[in-house]
Amino acid sequence: MEKIYLLLQCQNVATMTSFIGDITCKIESKGRLLFPSVFKKQLEKNDDKFVIKKDIYEKCLILYTFDEWERQIAILRKKLNLYNKDHSRFLREFYKNTAELTLDSSNRILIPRNLLELVDIEKEIVMLGLDSKIEIWAKEVYDNMETDDNEFADLAQNILGNIDLND
């Protein structure tokens, strides 16, 4: 039975969408965005629903496929208790500034104005594929957050240096 469960877990990982690349785009005045063809090709078949929310740590938006959003919420449901005051407060903040989006027939999504304003997005953005999600940044902010090579090497060593990568 355990082998079947592990096989199912591996199959779920194999079919999970993984986004790769960073693409500069323009947002129309009404908040419409042409979904980049590079990311469209990386989507699973018939994957046209998304959830977008403000990031917890950075001044950017996070775009999840609906399936990935459901996976994230399932994790939270297992770990959190709605009758715990801190858990309830966390969930309230987590769901705040969240919206469901759908690709239209022209492969565009409409990002709510309030979310764009939260992260100071006006016209140009960068969409960064980050495994199972896409970060959406104001281009000026994204361009100014470079980490130099030595800082990145130190970060990699601190995070990955003591991990057995063969597990």
Protein backbone atom coordinates (compact mmCIF):
# COMPACT_ATOMS: atom_id res chain seq x y z
CA MET A 1 0.00 0.00 0.00
CA GLU A 2 2.85 2.40 0.86
CA LYS A 3 4.43 1.80 -2.58
CA ILE A 4 1.16 2.76 -4.29
CA TYR A 5 0.95 5.96 -2.23
CA LEU A 6 4.53 6.90 -3.14
CA LEU A 7 3.81 6.20 -6.81
CA LEU A 8 0.76 8.47 -6.67
CA GLN A 9 2.82 11.19 -5.03
CA CYS A 10 5.43 10.92 -7.79
CA GLN A 11 2.72 11.08 -10.46
CA ASN A 12 1.28 14.22 -8.86
CA VAL A 13 4.69 15.86 -8.88
CA ALA A 14 5.28 14.85 -12.48
CA THR A 15 2.04 16.48 -13.68
CA MET A 16 2.46 19.66 -11.64
CA THR A 17 3.02 22.76 -13.76
CA SER A 18 6.51 24.22 -13.43
CA PHE A 19 7.06 27.74 -14.74
CA ILE A 20 10.50 28.76 -16.02
CA GLY A 21 11.62 32.15 -17.34
CA ASP A 22 11.29 35.86 -16.72
CA ILE A 23 9.33 37.89 -19.22
CA THR A 24 8.75 41.62 -19.47
CA CYS A 25 5.16 42.53 -20.38
CA LYS A 26 2.86 45.52 -20.52
CA ILE A 27 -0.40 45.88 -18.64
CA GLU A 28 -3.26 47.60 -20.45
CA SER A 29 -4.90 50.57 -18.72
CA LYS A 30 -7.83 48.42 -17.55
CA GLY A 31 -5.48 45.86 -15.96
CA ARG A 32 -5.56 43.30 -18.76
CA LEU A 33 -2.43 41.33 -19.42
CA LEU A 34 -1.66 39.12 -22.38
CA PHE A 35 -0.54 35.85 -20.79
CA PRO A 36 2.94 35.10 -22.22
CA SER A 37 3.01 32.24 -24.73
CA VAL A 38 6.11 30.82 -23.00
CA PHE A 39 4.08 30.27 -19.82
CA LYS A 40 0.99 29.18 -21.77
CA LYS A 41 3.05 26.32 -23.27
CA GLN A 42 4.16 25.29 -19.77
CA LEU A 43 0.57 25.00 -18.51
CA GLU A 44 -1.19 21.67 -18.25
CA LYS A 45 -3.90 21.10 -20.85
CA ASN A 46 -7.12 23.09 -20.25
CA ASP A 47 -5.48 25.01 -17.38
CA ASP A 48 -7.11 28.43 -17.72
CA LYS A 49 -8.09 29.30 -14.13
CA PHE A 50 -5.72 31.05 -11.73
CA VAL A 51 -5.62 32.59 -8.29
CA ILE A 52 -3.66 35.77 -7.72
CA LYS A 53 -2.69 37.31 -4.41
CA LYS A 54 -0.23 39.72 -2.91
CA ASP A 55 2.95 38.03 -1.75
CA ILE A 56 3.49 37.70 2.00
CA TYR A 57 7.16 38.75 1.95
CA GLU A 58 7.75 40.93 -1.11
CA LYS A 59 6.03 43.77 -2.96
CA CYS A 60 4.82 41.59 -5.81
CA LEU A 61 1.83 39.50 -6.83
CA ILE A 62 1.79 35.70 -6.96
CA LEU A 63 -0.12 33.89 -9.69
CA TYR A 64 -1.02 30.26 -9.02
CA THR A 65 -2.72 27.82 -11.35
CA PHE A 66 -6.02 26.82 -9.77
CA ASP A 67 -4.70 23.29 -9.14
CA GLU A 68 -1.62 24.62 -7.34
CA TRP A 69 -3.78 26.97 -5.28
CA GLU A 70 -5.95 24.02 -4.25
CA ARG A 71 -2.80 22.08 -3.28
CA GLN A 72 -1.58 25.00 -1.14
CA ILE A 73 -4.96 25.37 0.54
CA ALA A 74 -5.09 21.61 1.27
CA ILE A 75 -1.79 21.97 3.15
CA LEU A 76 -3.20 24.84 5.20
CA ARG A 77 -6.41 22.94 5.96
CA LYS A 78 -4.40 20.03 7.38
CA LYS A 79 -2.25 22.26 9.59
CA LEU A 80 -4.56 25.03 10.79
CA ASN A 81 -7.48 25.08 13.23
CA LEU A 82 -10.16 27.73 12.60
CA TYR A 83 -10.93 27.76 16.32
CA ASN A 84 -7.40 28.90 17.13
CA LYS A 85 -7.35 32.71 17.19
CA ASP A 86 -3.87 33.05 15.64
CA HIS A 87 -4.67 30.51 12.92
CA SER A 88 -7.90 32.32 12.11
CA ARG A 89 -6.12 35.68 11.95
CA PHE A 90 -3.42 34.21 9.71
CA LEU A 91 -6.02 32.76 7.31
CA ARG A 92 -7.86 36.09 7.17
CA GLU A 93 -4.66 37.86 6.14
CA PHE A 94 -3.68 35.04 3.78
CA TYR A 95 -6.97 35.27 1.85
CA LYS A 96 -6.96 39.08 1.89
CA ASN A 97 -6.18 40.64 -1.51
CA THR A 98 -6.86 37.41 -3.40
CA ALA A 99 -8.81 36.99 -6.64
CA GLU A 100 -9.72 34.22 -9.06
CA LEU A 101 -8.80 34.89 -12.71
CA THR A 102 -9.59 33.12 -15.97
CA LEU A 103 -7.83 33.34 -19.31
CA ASP A 104 -10.17 34.84 -21.89
CA SER A 105 -10.41 33.66 -25.52
CA SER A 106 -7.50 35.99 -26.41
CA ASN A 107 -5.25 34.53 -23.66
CA ARG A 108 -5.56 37.60 -21.46
CA ILE A 109 -6.17 37.86 -17.74
CA LEU A 110 -7.70 40.83 -15.97
CA ILE A 111 -5.82 41.72 -12.79
CA PRO A 112 -7.96 43.69 -10.33
CA ARG A 113 -6.89 47.34 -10.02
CA ASN A 114 -6.60 47.14 -6.21
CA LEU A 115 -3.97 44.38 -6.49
CA LEU A 116 -1.95 46.34 -9.07
CA GLU A 117 -2.02 49.39 -6.79
CA LEU A 118 -0.85 47.35 -3.77
CA VAL A 119 2.44 46.57 -5.54
CA ASP A 120 2.78 49.85 -7.49
CA ILE A 121 2.30 48.26 -10.92
CA GLU A 122 1.37 50.75 -13.61
CA LYS A 123 2.44 49.69 -17.11
CA GLU A 124 5.52 47.46 -17.35
CA ILE A 125 5.89 44.27 -15.37
CA VAL A 126 8.16 41.28 -15.13
CA MET A 127 6.60 37.85 -14.79
CA LEU A 128 9.05 35.46 -13.13
CA GLY A 129 8.38 31.73 -13.37
CA LEU A 130 9.23 30.32 -9.98
CA ASP A 131 8.48 26.59 -10.13
CA SER A 132 4.75 26.18 -9.38
CA LYS A 133 3.91 29.88 -9.35
CA ILE A 134 4.56 33.10 -11.26
CA GLU A 135 5.68 36.25 -9.47
CA ILE A 136 4.48 39.52 -11.01
CA TRP A 137 6.69 42.54 -10.30
CA ALA A 138 6.68 46.19 -11.27
CA LYS A 139 9.58 46.27 -13.75
CA GLU A 140 11.42 49.06 -11.89
CA VAL A 141 11.29 47.13 -8.62
CA TYR A 142 12.41 43.87 -10.26
CA ASP A 143 15.30 45.56 -12.08
CA ASN A 144 16.58 47.11 -8.84
CA MET A 145 16.65 43.99 -6.68
CA GLU A 146 19.73 42.31 -8.12
CA THR A 147 21.81 40.09 -5.84
CA ASP A 148 25.47 40.06 -6.76
CA ASP A 149 27.20 36.75 -7.54
CA ASN A 150 29.03 36.55 -4.20
CA GLU A 151 25.83 37.18 -2.21
CA PHE A 152 24.03 34.49 -4.20
CA ALA A 153 26.90 32.03 -3.68
CA ASP A 154 26.79 32.70 0.08
CA LEU A 155 23.01 32.27 0.09
CA ALA A 156 23.29 28.96 -1.79
CA GLN A 157 25.93 27.72 0.64
CA ASN A 158 23.85 28.71 3.68
CA ILE A 159 20.70 27.06 2.36
CA LEU A 160 22.03 24.06 0.45
CA GLY A 161 25.50 23.55 1.95
CA ASN A 162 24.41 21.17 4.70
CA ILE A 163 21.66 19.34 2.84
CA ASP A 164 22.06 15.86 1.44
CA LEU A 165 20.93 16.50 -2.13
CA ASN A 166 20.71 12.76 -2.87
CA ASP A 167 17.54 12.32 -0.76
